[in-house]
Amino acid sequence: MIRDNKLEQENRITKWIYHTIPFAVLFLLWEVLARVIYQPYILPPFSAVAASALSLSLADDLAITFGFSLLGLLITLLTGLPLGLFIQRSNKAKWALEPFIWFLLFAIGIGTTRLAPILILMFGLTQLTALIHSIIVPILVVAIISGYGSTHLAIRLGFLAYLSFWFMGEMIFRTAIVGMGNQFSMFYDLHNVEMMYAIMLLMGFSGLFIDRVLLKYTENLIRKKGWGGENAFGNQQ
């Protein structure tokens, strides 16, 4: 028992090291390249970007963005997963709804940014408008992927899709909502490239952390419920 625990701990350390190496190499190359070309308005040094990312000035906006992202993910899953499960279990539903969902993905996905003025006219410049704008495509993505039996993958991609659309929504509806997208737009207007990179860095690592958490607990939930299908890596469960 003790030996098994020791082996498991060693495997975790090994995985952590292998996960860290690509990031370490990337950030080292980033730092060296930035120092060589010395163009802070194009590529500021990683050390300066990391210091800005760790500043407390972005903490509230980061919490707001990911708080709304998790709320939107919950709405997306409560809508998309049952629809996908219905498609998966019914051949008639799959025959009728699958082409329709693909059509909506192509049609709405291409013109998502053009929906904003229409939604503003309907619901006003509010957080509700941004929420509706952000969940349409993720719901379709979750439904179509879970309809193929990949429930776990649907959850992960649903979160990624919603987070991306919500970030864009914060940029589009910046007068009504705050968050990382709002801050990104502000720093873009101020030509503060260092803070723009800092926001990208924070979004990347925060999203990765939540994805790892979702990966762990949703996989256990899928196995417990016996939903089957493929996991996020394409292996049959």
C-alpha atoms as a PDB file:
ATOM      1  CA  MET A   1       0.000   0.000   0.000  1.00  0.00           C
ATOM      2  CA  ILE A   2       2.793   2.388   0.974  1.00  0.00           C
ATOM      3  CA  ARG A   3       4.715   1.394  -2.160  1.00  0.00           C
ATOM      4  CA  ASP A   4       1.668   2.091  -4.373  1.00  0.00           C
ATOM      5  CA  ASN A   5       1.209   5.522  -2.800  1.00  0.00           C
ATOM      6  CA  LYS A   6       4.889   6.275  -3.350  1.00  0.00           C
ATOM      7  CA  LEU A   7       4.669   5.244  -7.017  1.00  0.00           C
ATOM      8  CA  GLU A   8       1.541   7.338  -7.477  1.00  0.00           C
ATOM      9  CA  GLN A   9       3.263  10.357  -5.942  1.00  0.00           C
ATOM     10  CA  GLU A  10       6.306   9.849  -8.197  1.00  0.00           C
ATOM     11  CA  ASN A  11       4.032   9.637 -11.246  1.00  0.00           C
ATOM     12  CA  ARG A  12       2.346  12.908 -10.266  1.00  0.00           C
ATOM     13  CA  ILE A  13       5.723  14.618  -9.875  1.00  0.00           C
ATOM     14  CA  THR A  14       6.844  13.269 -13.251  1.00  0.00           C
ATOM     15  CA  LYS A  15       3.647  14.483 -14.944  1.00  0.00           C
ATOM     16  CA  TRP A  16       4.022  17.905 -13.296  1.00  0.00           C
ATOM     17  CA  ILE A  17       7.608  18.167 -14.573  1.00  0.00           C
ATOM     18  CA  TYR A  18       6.609  17.217 -18.120  1.00  0.00           C
ATOM     19  CA  HIS A  19       3.718  19.690 -18.029  1.00  0.00           C
ATOM     20  CA  THR A  20       6.035  22.446 -16.797  1.00  0.00           C
ATOM     21  CA  ILE A  21       8.845  21.998 -19.330  1.00  0.00           C
ATOM     22  CA  PRO A  22       6.986  23.422 -22.404  1.00  0.00           C
ATOM     23  CA  PHE A  23       5.906  26.508 -20.438  1.00  0.00           C
ATOM     24  CA  ALA A  24       9.413  27.046 -19.060  1.00  0.00           C
ATOM     25  CA  VAL A  25      10.946  26.793 -22.542  1.00  0.00           C
ATOM     26  CA  LEU A  26       8.327  29.113 -24.056  1.00  0.00           C
ATOM     27  CA  PHE A  27       8.695  31.795 -21.376  1.00  0.00           C
ATOM     28  CA  LEU A  28      12.512  31.586 -21.456  1.00  0.00           C
ATOM     29  CA  LEU A  29      12.520  32.073 -25.238  1.00  0.00           C
ATOM     30  CA  TRP A  30      10.024  34.909 -24.814  1.00  0.00           C
ATOM     31  CA  GLU A  31      12.283  36.680 -22.298  1.00  0.00           C
ATOM     32  CA  VAL A  32      15.437  36.227 -24.409  1.00  0.00           C
ATOM     33  CA  LEU A  33      13.751  37.310 -27.655  1.00  0.00           C
ATOM     34  CA  ALA A  34      12.207  40.373 -26.010  1.00  0.00           C
ATOM     35  CA  ARG A  35      15.595  41.416 -24.619  1.00  0.00           C
ATOM     36  CA  VAL A  36      17.273  40.907 -28.010  1.00  0.00           C
ATOM     37  CA  ILE A  37      14.826  42.812 -30.192  1.00  0.00           C
ATOM     38  CA  TYR A  38      14.039  45.363 -27.445  1.00  0.00           C
ATOM     39  CA  GLN A  39      10.667  46.439 -28.799  1.00  0.00           C
ATOM     40  CA  PRO A  40       8.493  46.853 -25.653  1.00  0.00           C
ATOM     41  CA  TYR A  41       5.542  48.102 -27.708  1.00  0.00           C
ATOM     42  CA  ILE A  42       5.583  44.852 -29.712  1.00  0.00           C
ATOM     43  CA  LEU A  43       6.964  42.200 -27.350  1.00  0.00           C
ATOM     44  CA  PRO A  44       7.610  43.266 -23.739  1.00  0.00           C
ATOM     45  CA  PRO A  45       9.801  40.942 -21.604  1.00  0.00           C
ATOM     46  CA  PHE A  46       8.036  38.036 -19.953  1.00  0.00           C
ATOM     47  CA  SER A  47       9.308  39.109 -16.526  1.00  0.00           C
ATOM     48  CA  ALA A  48       7.576  42.489 -16.869  1.00  0.00           C
ATOM     49  CA  VAL A  49       4.368  40.882 -18.169  1.00  0.00           C
ATOM     50  CA  ALA A  50       4.339  38.337 -15.326  1.00  0.00           C
ATOM     51  CA  ALA A  51       4.798  41.119 -12.753  1.00  0.00           C
ATOM     52  CA  SER A  52       1.843  43.002 -14.250  1.00  0.00           C
ATOM     53  CA  ALA A  53      -0.251  39.827 -14.341  1.00  0.00           C
ATOM     54  CA  LEU A  54       0.341  39.255 -10.625  1.00  0.00           C
ATOM     55  CA  SER A  55      -0.759  42.761  -9.704  1.00  0.00           C
ATOM     56  CA  LEU A  56      -3.898  42.981  -7.580  1.00  0.00           C
ATOM     57  CA  SER A  57      -5.432  45.532  -9.952  1.00  0.00           C
ATOM     58  CA  LEU A  58      -6.742  42.736 -12.207  1.00  0.00           C
ATOM     59  CA  ALA A  59      -7.976  40.409  -9.451  1.00  0.00           C
ATOM     60  CA  ASP A  60     -11.541  41.769  -9.295  1.00  0.00           C
ATOM     61  CA  ASP A  61     -11.962  41.744 -13.073  1.00  0.00           C
ATOM     62  CA  LEU A  62     -10.601  38.196 -13.290  1.00  0.00           C
ATOM     63  CA  ALA A  63     -13.071  37.042 -10.623  1.00  0.00           C
ATOM     64  CA  ILE A  64     -15.964  38.725 -12.462  1.00  0.00           C
ATOM     65  CA  THR A  65     -15.043  37.192 -15.814  1.00  0.00           C
ATOM     66  CA  PHE A  66     -14.691  33.647 -14.521  1.00  0.00           C
ATOM     67  CA  GLY A  67     -17.697  33.979 -12.231  1.00  0.00           C
ATOM     68  CA  PHE A  68     -19.907  34.813 -15.202  1.00  0.00           C
ATOM     69  CA  SER A  69     -18.119  32.149 -17.268  1.00  0.00           C
ATOM     70  CA  LEU A  70     -19.014  29.428 -14.770  1.00  0.00           C
ATOM     71  CA  LEU A  71     -22.602  30.721 -14.590  1.00  0.00           C
ATOM     72  CA  GLY A  72     -22.818  30.681 -18.383  1.00  0.00           C
ATOM     73  CA  LEU A  73     -21.269  27.218 -18.495  1.00  0.00           C
ATOM     74  CA  LEU A  74     -23.927  25.948 -16.092  1.00  0.00           C
ATOM     75  CA  ILE A  75     -26.705  27.361 -18.290  1.00  0.00           C
ATOM     76  CA  THR A  76     -24.998  25.967 -21.385  1.00  0.00           C
ATOM     77  CA  LEU A  77     -24.701  22.472 -19.913  1.00  0.00           C
ATOM     78  CA  LEU A  78     -28.252  22.426 -18.539  1.00  0.00           C
ATOM     79  CA  THR A  79     -29.474  23.250 -22.043  1.00  0.00           C
ATOM     80  CA  GLY A  80     -26.963  21.566 -24.341  1.00  0.00           C
ATOM     81  CA  LEU A  81     -26.380  18.245 -22.571  1.00  0.00           C
ATOM     82  CA  PRO A  82     -30.063  17.162 -22.424  1.00  0.00           C
ATOM     83  CA  LEU A  83     -30.442  18.093 -26.101  1.00  0.00           C
ATOM     84  CA  GLY A  84     -27.312  16.115 -26.967  1.00  0.00           C
ATOM     85  CA  LEU A  85     -28.470  13.148 -24.906  1.00  0.00           C
ATOM     86  CA  PHE A  86     -31.829  13.247 -26.694  1.00  0.00           C
ATOM     87  CA  ILE A  87     -30.062  13.264 -30.067  1.00  0.00           C
ATOM     88  CA  GLN A  88     -27.761  10.444 -28.983  1.00  0.00           C
ATOM     89  CA  ARG A  89     -30.587   8.143 -27.843  1.00  0.00           C
ATOM     90  CA  SER A  90     -33.073   8.797 -30.631  1.00  0.00           C
ATOM     91  CA  ASN A  91     -32.234   8.009 -34.255  1.00  0.00           C
ATOM     92  CA  LYS A  92     -35.166  10.103 -35.453  1.00  0.00           C
ATOM     93  CA  ALA A  93     -34.042  13.074 -33.378  1.00  0.00           C
ATOM     94  CA  LYS A  94     -30.500  12.666 -34.644  1.00  0.00           C
ATOM     95  CA  TRP A  95     -31.737  12.494 -38.239  1.00  0.00           C
ATOM     96  CA  ALA A  96     -33.902  15.612 -37.816  1.00  0.00           C
ATOM     97  CA  LEU A  97     -31.911  17.818 -35.415  1.00  0.00           C
ATOM     98  CA  GLU A  98     -28.278  17.153 -36.248  1.00  0.00           C
ATOM     99  CA  PRO A  99     -28.320  18.890 -39.685  1.00  0.00           C
ATOM    100  CA  PHE A 100     -30.322  21.760 -38.174  1.00  0.00           C
ATOM    101  CA  ILE A 101     -27.791  22.292 -35.366  1.00  0.00           C
ATOM    102  CA  TRP A 102     -24.890  22.191 -37.822  1.00  0.00           C
ATOM    103  CA  PHE A 103     -26.701  24.767 -39.948  1.00  0.00           C
ATOM    104  CA  LEU A 104     -27.135  27.045 -36.929  1.00  0.00           C
ATOM    105  CA  LEU A 105     -23.476  26.618 -35.999  1.00  0.00           C
ATOM    106  CA  PHE A 106     -22.317  27.693 -39.448  1.00  0.00           C
ATOM    107  CA  ALA A 107     -24.877  30.495 -39.790  1.00  0.00           C
ATOM    108  CA  ILE A 108     -24.764  31.962 -36.280  1.00  0.00           C
ATOM    109  CA  GLY A 109     -21.083  31.201 -35.650  1.00  0.00           C
ATOM    110  CA  ILE A 110     -20.033  33.288 -38.647  1.00  0.00           C
ATOM    111  CA  GLY A 111     -22.279  36.222 -37.774  1.00  0.00           C
ATOM    112  CA  THR A 112     -22.115  36.166 -33.973  1.00  0.00           C
ATOM    113  CA  THR A 113     -20.677  39.661 -33.657  1.00  0.00           C
ATOM    114  CA  ARG A 114     -23.483  40.969 -35.900  1.00  0.00           C
ATOM    115  CA  LEU A 115     -26.072  39.646 -33.447  1.00  0.00           C
ATOM    116  CA  ALA A 116     -24.994  42.157 -30.810  1.00  0.00           C
ATOM    117  CA  PRO A 117     -26.921  45.169 -32.224  1.00  0.00           C
ATOM    118  CA  ILE A 118     -30.074  43.055 -32.602  1.00  0.00           C
ATOM    119  CA  LEU A 119     -29.830  41.773 -29.019  1.00  0.00           C
ATOM    120  CA  ILE A 120     -29.177  45.292 -27.735  1.00  0.00           C
ATOM    121  CA  LEU A 121     -32.360  46.493 -29.427  1.00  0.00           C
ATOM    122  CA  MET A 122     -34.311  43.615 -27.853  1.00  0.00           C
ATOM    123  CA  PHE A 123     -32.868  43.535 -24.312  1.00  0.00           C
ATOM    124  CA  GLY A 124     -30.886  46.759 -23.984  1.00  0.00           C
ATOM    125  CA  LEU A 125     -27.223  47.203 -23.137  1.00  0.00           C
ATOM    126  CA  THR A 126     -27.189  44.920 -20.083  1.00  0.00           C
ATOM    127  CA  GLN A 127     -25.433  41.896 -18.647  1.00  0.00           C
ATOM    128  CA  LEU A 128     -28.408  39.771 -19.752  1.00  0.00           C
ATOM    129  CA  THR A 129     -27.749  40.776 -23.353  1.00  0.00           C
ATOM    130  CA  ALA A 130     -24.081  39.806 -23.032  1.00  0.00           C
ATOM    131  CA  LEU A 131     -25.073  36.489 -21.437  1.00  0.00           C
ATOM    132  CA  ILE A 132     -27.514  35.610 -24.244  1.00  0.00           C
ATOM    133  CA  HIS A 133     -24.945  36.667 -26.834  1.00  0.00           C
ATOM    134  CA  SER A 134     -22.351  34.376 -25.232  1.00  0.00           C
ATOM    135  CA  ILE A 135     -24.354  31.152 -24.752  1.00  0.00           C
ATOM    136  CA  ILE A 136     -25.908  30.630 -28.201  1.00  0.00           C
ATOM    137  CA  VAL A 137     -22.933  29.031 -29.957  1.00  0.00           C
ATOM    138  CA  PRO A 138     -21.617  27.107 -26.880  1.00  0.00           C
ATOM    139  CA  ILE A 139     -25.053  25.472 -26.401  1.00  0.00           C
ATOM    140  CA  LEU A 140     -24.969  24.261 -30.005  1.00  0.00           C
ATOM    141  CA  VAL A 141     -21.379  23.029 -29.595  1.00  0.00           C
ATOM    142  CA  VAL A 142     -22.226  21.095 -26.421  1.00  0.00           C
ATOM    143  CA  ALA A 143     -25.357  19.611 -28.000  1.00  0.00           C
ATOM    144  CA  ILE A 144     -23.654  18.389 -31.176  1.00  0.00           C
ATOM    145  CA  ILE A 145     -20.556  16.955 -29.437  1.00  0.00           C
ATOM    146  CA  SER A 146     -22.488  15.267 -26.638  1.00  0.00           C
ATOM    147  CA  GLY A 147     -24.876  13.960 -29.327  1.00  0.00           C
ATOM    148  CA  TYR A 148     -21.940  11.958 -30.658  1.00  0.00           C
ATOM    149  CA  GLY A 149     -21.381  10.518 -27.177  1.00  0.00           C
ATOM    150  CA  SER A 150     -18.407  12.681 -26.161  1.00  0.00           C
ATOM    151  CA  THR A 151     -19.976  14.214 -23.071  1.00  0.00           C
ATOM    152  CA  HIS A 152     -16.692  14.964 -21.357  1.00  0.00           C
ATOM    153  CA  LEU A 153     -15.246  16.653 -24.426  1.00  0.00           C
ATOM    154  CA  ALA A 154     -18.487  18.603 -24.849  1.00  0.00           C
ATOM    155  CA  ILE A 155     -18.144  20.038 -21.337  1.00  0.00           C
ATOM    156  CA  ARG A 156     -14.554  21.120 -21.878  1.00  0.00           C
ATOM    157  CA  LEU A 157     -15.154  22.662 -25.286  1.00  0.00           C
ATOM    158  CA  GLY A 158     -18.376  24.227 -24.027  1.00  0.00           C
ATOM    159  CA  PHE A 159     -16.419  26.013 -21.315  1.00  0.00           C
ATOM    160  CA  LEU A 160     -13.753  27.135 -23.787  1.00  0.00           C
ATOM    161  CA  ALA A 161     -16.377  28.411 -26.240  1.00  0.00           C
ATOM    162  CA  TYR A 162     -18.362  30.255 -23.597  1.00  0.00           C
ATOM    163  CA  LEU A 163     -15.262  31.815 -22.008  1.00  0.00           C
ATOM    164  CA  SER A 164     -14.158  33.080 -25.440  1.00  0.00           C
ATOM    165  CA  PHE A 165     -17.574  34.525 -26.277  1.00  0.00           C
ATOM    166  CA  TRP A 166     -17.977  36.099 -22.833  1.00  0.00           C
ATOM    167  CA  PHE A 167     -14.553  37.744 -23.124  1.00  0.00           C
ATOM    168  CA  MET A 168     -15.578  39.145 -26.506  1.00  0.00           C
ATOM    169  CA  GLY A 169     -18.887  40.209 -24.979  1.00  0.00           C
ATOM    170  CA  GLU A 170     -17.059  42.178 -22.291  1.00  0.00           C
ATOM    171  CA  MET A 171     -15.217  43.965 -25.078  1.00  0.00           C
ATOM    172  CA  ILE A 172     -18.381  44.628 -27.108  1.00  0.00           C
ATOM    173  CA  PHE A 173     -20.639  45.582 -24.168  1.00  0.00           C
ATOM    174  CA  ARG A 174     -17.870  47.370 -22.267  1.00  0.00           C
ATOM    175  CA  THR A 175     -20.135  50.251 -21.225  1.00  0.00           C
ATOM    176  CA  ALA A 176     -22.487  47.843 -19.411  1.00  0.00           C
ATOM    177  CA  ILE A 177     -20.206  45.200 -17.903  1.00  0.00           C
ATOM    178  CA  VAL A 178     -16.742  44.975 -16.427  1.00  0.00           C
ATOM    179  CA  GLY A 179     -14.214  42.181 -16.547  1.00  0.00           C
ATOM    180  CA  MET A 180     -11.037  41.141 -18.297  1.00  0.00           C
ATOM    181  CA  GLY A 181     -12.420  41.880 -21.760  1.00  0.00           C
ATOM    182  CA  ASN A 182     -13.311  45.388 -20.644  1.00  0.00           C
ATOM    183  CA  GLN A 183      -9.809  45.878 -19.256  1.00  0.00           C
ATOM    184  CA  PHE A 184      -8.260  44.479 -22.442  1.00  0.00           C
ATOM    185  CA  SER A 185     -10.172  47.011 -24.545  1.00  0.00           C
ATOM    186  CA  MET A 186      -9.151  49.842 -22.229  1.00  0.00           C
ATOM    187  CA  PHE A 187      -5.460  48.933 -22.329  1.00  0.00           C
ATOM    188  CA  TYR A 188      -5.698  48.499 -26.103  1.00  0.00           C
ATOM    189  CA  ASP A 189      -6.993  52.056 -26.398  1.00  0.00           C
ATOM    190  CA  LEU A 190      -4.130  53.226 -24.165  1.00  0.00           C
ATOM    191  CA  HIS A 191      -1.559  51.231 -26.223  1.00  0.00           C
ATOM    192  CA  ASN A 192      -0.448  49.500 -23.017  1.00  0.00           C
ATOM    193  CA  VAL A 193       0.914  46.322 -24.632  1.00  0.00           C
ATOM    194  CA  GLU A 194       2.403  44.998 -21.389  1.00  0.00           C
ATOM    195  CA  MET A 195      -0.987  44.882 -19.644  1.00  0.00           C
ATOM    196  CA  MET A 196      -2.605  43.365 -22.746  1.00  0.00           C
ATOM    197  CA  TYR A 197      -0.120  40.485 -22.620  1.00  0.00           C
ATOM    198  CA  ALA A 198      -0.666  40.236 -18.862  1.00  0.00           C
ATOM    199  CA  ILE A 199      -4.416  39.784 -19.383  1.00  0.00           C
ATOM    200  CA  MET A 200      -3.792  37.113 -22.035  1.00  0.00           C
ATOM    201  CA  LEU A 201      -1.415  35.331 -19.658  1.00  0.00           C
ATOM    202  CA  LEU A 202      -3.906  35.429 -16.779  1.00  0.00           C
ATOM    203  CA  MET A 203      -6.767  34.228 -18.969  1.00  0.00           C
ATOM    204  CA  GLY A 204      -4.680  31.362 -20.300  1.00  0.00           C
ATOM    205  CA  PHE A 205      -3.520  30.030 -16.939  1.00  0.00           C
ATOM    206  CA  SER A 206      -6.863  30.601 -15.195  1.00  0.00           C
ATOM    207  CA  GLY A 207      -8.720  28.853 -17.999  1.00  0.00           C
ATOM    208  CA  LEU A 208      -6.224  25.976 -17.891  1.00  0.00           C
ATOM    209  CA  PHE A 209      -6.664  25.620 -14.132  1.00  0.00           C
ATOM    210  CA  ILE A 210     -10.464  25.492 -14.377  1.00  0.00           C
ATOM    211  CA  ASP A 211     -10.214  23.062 -17.290  1.00  0.00           C
ATOM    212  CA  ARG A 212      -8.045  20.749 -15.188  1.00  0.00           C
ATOM    213  CA  VAL A 213     -10.572  20.956 -12.333  1.00  0.00           C
ATOM    214  CA  LEU A 214     -13.472  20.291 -14.700  1.00  0.00           C
ATOM    215  CA  LEU A 215     -11.480  17.486 -16.288  1.00  0.00           C
ATOM    216  CA  LYS A 216     -11.047  15.757 -12.949  1.00  0.00           C
ATOM    217  CA  TYR A 217     -14.558  16.062 -11.547  1.00  0.00           C
ATOM    218  CA  THR A 218     -16.587  15.721 -14.745  1.00  0.00           C
ATOM    219  CA  GLU A 219     -14.714  12.553 -15.674  1.00  0.00           C
ATOM    220  CA  ASN A 220     -15.603  11.057 -12.295  1.00  0.00           C
ATOM    221  CA  LEU A 221     -19.219  12.183 -12.728  1.00  0.00           C
ATOM    222  CA  ILE A 222     -19.457  10.669 -16.228  1.00  0.00           C
ATOM    223  CA  ARG A 223     -18.109   7.349 -15.000  1.00  0.00           C
ATOM    224  CA  LYS A 224     -20.364   7.400 -11.945  1.00  0.00           C
ATOM    225  CA  LYS A 225     -23.486   8.133 -13.990  1.00  0.00           C
ATOM    226  CA  GLY A 226     -22.464   5.630 -16.649  1.00  0.00           C
ATOM    227  CA  TRP A 227     -23.135   8.016 -19.511  1.00  0.00           C
ATOM    228  CA  GLY A 228     -20.498   6.296 -21.639  1.00  0.00           C
ATOM    229  CA  GLY A 229     -19.253   7.704 -24.886  1.00  0.00           C
ATOM    230  CA  GLU A 230     -15.716   8.858 -25.488  1.00  0.00           C
ATOM    231  CA  ASN A 231     -13.616  10.799 -23.081  1.00  0.00           C
ATOM    232  CA  ALA A 232     -11.731  13.941 -23.933  1.00  0.00           C
ATOM    233  CA  PHE A 233      -8.854  11.955 -25.412  1.00  0.00           C
ATOM    234  CA  GLY A 234     -10.995   9.840 -27.686  1.00  0.00           C
ATOM    235  CA  ASN A 235     -10.681   6.604 -25.684  1.00  0.00           C
ATOM    236  CA  GLN A 236     -13.707   4.429 -25.218  1.00  0.00           C
ATOM    237  CA  GLN A 237     -14.917   4.261 -21.646  1.00  0.00           C
END
